[in-house]
Amino acid sequence: MEAKIKVSSTAFSGNSEIPEKYTCDGENVNPPLRFDHLPETTKSLALIVDDPDAPAGTWDHWVVWNIEPAKELAENSIPGEEGKNSFKQNHYGGPCPPSGTHRYFFKVYALDSKLDLDKDSEKEDLEKAMQGKILSSGELIGLYSKK
């Protein structure tokens, strides 16, 4: 596996608060993301945003695959094929913790191919489809507590 992908955002830095705009308290749109150190052989990217601190177990906020291998992901964008999140929706669902401060993991995977997945696929389906295809990965962690 190559060097880790550096995942960053102009909206927040690692282990700091995600601005309200990108949460259920705001516009509920995805934050801009930047990916550095993508392997040259990357054919597609996959992105999973989840919250391991949810009371009922990890809550999936965004599940996306077949993203073109680019350095930037724009705010409020549909970068690839979106699967079902824990809200049972096929789009970004921002941080919305019931209580306390939760951690949100923005995990990106560089893949050696595109994936053939159904739009009803969930995180587990994506993780299974990525097995043996991951060239590199990286993550950015943001924090949020409801206002």
Protein backbone atom coordinates (compact mmCIF):
# COMPACT_ATOMS: atom_id res chain seq x y z
CA MET A 1 0.00 0.00 0.00
CA GLU A 2 1.27 3.45 -0.91
CA ALA A 3 1.60 6.47 1.37
CA LYS A 4 -1.58 7.40 3.18
CA ILE A 5 -3.95 9.81 1.50
CA LYS A 6 -3.97 13.15 3.31
CA VAL A 7 -7.61 14.20 3.74
CA SER A 8 -8.27 17.83 4.64
CA SER A 9 -10.99 20.47 4.41
CA THR A 10 -10.99 24.25 4.11
CA ALA A 11 -14.06 24.22 6.41
CA PHE A 12 -12.46 22.57 9.47
CA SER A 13 -9.19 20.99 10.54
CA GLY A 14 -8.66 17.51 11.96
CA ASN A 15 -10.16 16.86 15.39
CA SER A 16 -11.88 20.24 15.46
CA GLU A 17 -15.52 21.27 15.27
CA ILE A 18 -17.39 20.86 12.00
CA PRO A 19 -19.11 24.18 11.16
CA GLU A 20 -22.88 24.22 11.73
CA LYS A 21 -23.50 24.75 7.98
CA TYR A 22 -22.55 21.10 7.32
CA THR A 23 -24.86 19.66 10.01
CA CYS A 24 -28.57 19.13 10.68
CA ASP A 25 -28.51 22.45 12.56
CA GLY A 26 -27.47 24.26 9.36
CA GLU A 27 -27.76 23.67 5.60
CA ASN A 28 -26.93 19.95 5.94
CA VAL A 29 -24.58 19.98 2.91
CA ASN A 30 -21.28 18.14 2.62
CA PRO A 31 -18.14 20.10 3.46
CA PRO A 32 -15.44 20.64 0.83
CA LEU A 33 -12.72 17.98 1.01
CA ARG A 34 -9.20 17.76 -0.38
CA PHE A 35 -7.25 14.57 -1.10
CA ASP A 36 -3.45 14.69 -1.38
CA HIS A 37 -1.07 11.81 -2.16
CA LEU A 38 -3.50 9.81 -4.33
CA PRO A 39 -1.71 6.89 -6.00
CA GLU A 40 -1.10 7.50 -9.73
CA THR A 41 -2.89 4.25 -10.59
CA THR A 42 -6.14 5.28 -8.85
CA LYS A 43 -9.18 4.51 -11.05
CA SER A 44 -11.85 5.69 -8.60
CA LEU A 45 -12.38 6.91 -5.05
CA ALA A 46 -14.86 5.78 -2.41
CA LEU A 47 -15.93 7.85 0.58
CA ILE A 48 -17.57 6.81 3.82
CA VAL A 49 -18.62 9.30 6.49
CA ASP A 50 -19.67 7.72 9.76
CA ASP A 51 -20.12 8.36 13.47
CA PRO A 52 -18.83 5.58 15.74
CA ASP A 53 -20.17 7.38 18.84
CA ALA A 54 -23.88 6.97 17.96
CA PRO A 55 -25.87 5.35 20.79
CA ALA A 56 -27.15 2.44 18.64
CA GLY A 57 -23.73 1.74 17.09
CA THR A 58 -21.89 3.34 14.16
CA TRP A 59 -24.19 5.65 12.17
CA ASP A 60 -23.44 6.05 8.46
CA HIS A 61 -23.84 9.61 7.15
CA TRP A 62 -22.60 9.27 3.56
CA VAL A 63 -21.67 6.31 1.37
CA VAL A 64 -20.23 7.19 -2.07
CA TRP A 65 -18.30 5.25 -4.73
CA ASN A 66 -17.04 5.69 -8.31
CA ILE A 67 -15.80 9.20 -7.52
CA GLU A 68 -13.42 10.44 -10.22
CA PRO A 69 -9.88 10.52 -8.77
CA ALA A 70 -9.59 14.27 -8.15
CA LYS A 71 -7.81 16.29 -5.49
CA GLU A 72 -10.90 18.28 -4.50
CA LEU A 73 -14.48 17.48 -3.63
CA ALA A 74 -16.70 20.56 -3.76
CA GLU A 75 -19.07 21.64 -1.02
CA ASN A 76 -22.67 20.49 -1.57
CA SER A 77 -21.76 18.11 -4.39
CA ILE A 78 -22.76 14.67 -5.65
CA PRO A 79 -19.28 13.37 -6.48
CA GLY A 80 -20.17 9.82 -7.48
CA GLU A 81 -22.77 7.13 -6.93
CA GLU A 82 -24.43 7.50 -3.55
CA GLY A 83 -25.60 4.51 -1.54
CA LYS A 84 -27.98 4.35 1.41
CA ASN A 85 -26.88 5.88 4.70
CA SER A 86 -28.35 5.12 8.14
CA PHE A 87 -31.05 7.76 7.49
CA LYS A 88 -32.14 5.40 4.62
CA GLN A 89 -31.37 8.21 2.15
CA ASN A 90 -29.05 8.27 -0.88
CA HIS A 91 -27.28 11.53 -0.06
CA TYR A 92 -25.19 13.27 2.57
CA GLY A 93 -26.76 13.46 6.02
CA GLY A 94 -24.84 15.84 8.25
CA PRO A 95 -23.82 15.38 11.87
CA CYS A 96 -26.84 15.41 14.19
CA PRO A 97 -25.88 13.77 17.50
CA PRO A 98 -28.68 13.26 20.05
CA SER A 99 -26.39 14.37 22.89
CA GLY A 100 -22.77 15.13 23.63
CA THR A 101 -19.91 15.60 21.17
CA HIS A 102 -19.50 12.92 18.52
CA ARG A 103 -16.62 12.13 16.17
CA TYR A 104 -17.27 12.04 12.42
CA PHE A 105 -14.85 10.09 10.26
CA PHE A 106 -14.49 11.18 6.61
CA LYS A 107 -12.74 8.10 5.15
CA VAL A 108 -11.49 8.07 1.58
CA TYR A 109 -10.26 5.03 -0.34
CA ALA A 110 -8.25 5.05 -3.59
CA LEU A 111 -9.30 2.02 -5.65
CA ASP A 112 -7.72 0.22 -8.60
CA SER A 113 -11.07 -0.02 -10.42
CA LYS A 114 -14.63 1.28 -10.53
CA LEU A 115 -17.26 -0.63 -8.56
CA ASP A 116 -20.47 -2.18 -9.83
CA LEU A 117 -22.89 -1.59 -6.95
CA ASP A 118 -26.64 -1.06 -6.77
CA LYS A 119 -27.91 2.34 -5.56
CA ASP A 120 -29.51 0.57 -2.59
CA SER A 121 -26.07 -0.58 -1.42
CA GLU A 122 -25.08 0.34 2.12
CA LYS A 123 -21.70 0.78 3.79
CA GLU A 124 -21.24 -2.97 4.36
CA ASP A 125 -21.84 -3.66 0.63
CA LEU A 126 -19.29 -1.00 -0.32
CA GLU A 127 -16.69 -2.31 2.14
CA LYS A 128 -17.14 -5.82 0.75
CA ALA A 129 -16.87 -4.62 -2.88
CA MET A 130 -13.64 -2.70 -2.07
CA GLN A 131 -11.82 -5.75 -0.67
CA GLY A 132 -8.65 -6.40 -2.64
CA LYS A 133 -9.05 -3.14 -4.61
CA ILE A 134 -7.77 -0.55 -2.08
CA LEU A 135 -4.51 1.12 -3.16
CA SER A 136 -4.43 3.62 -0.29
CA SER A 137 -6.71 5.31 2.22
CA GLY A 138 -6.90 8.24 4.59
CA GLU A 139 -9.29 9.98 6.94
CA LEU A 140 -10.23 13.29 8.47
CA ILE A 141 -12.01 13.40 11.83
CA GLY A 142 -14.38 16.23 12.70
CA LEU A 143 -16.30 16.84 15.92
CA TYR A 144 -19.85 18.08 16.49
CA SER A 145 -22.33 18.56 19.31
CA LYS A 146 -25.88 19.68 18.59
CA LYS A 147 -26.76 23.31 19.25
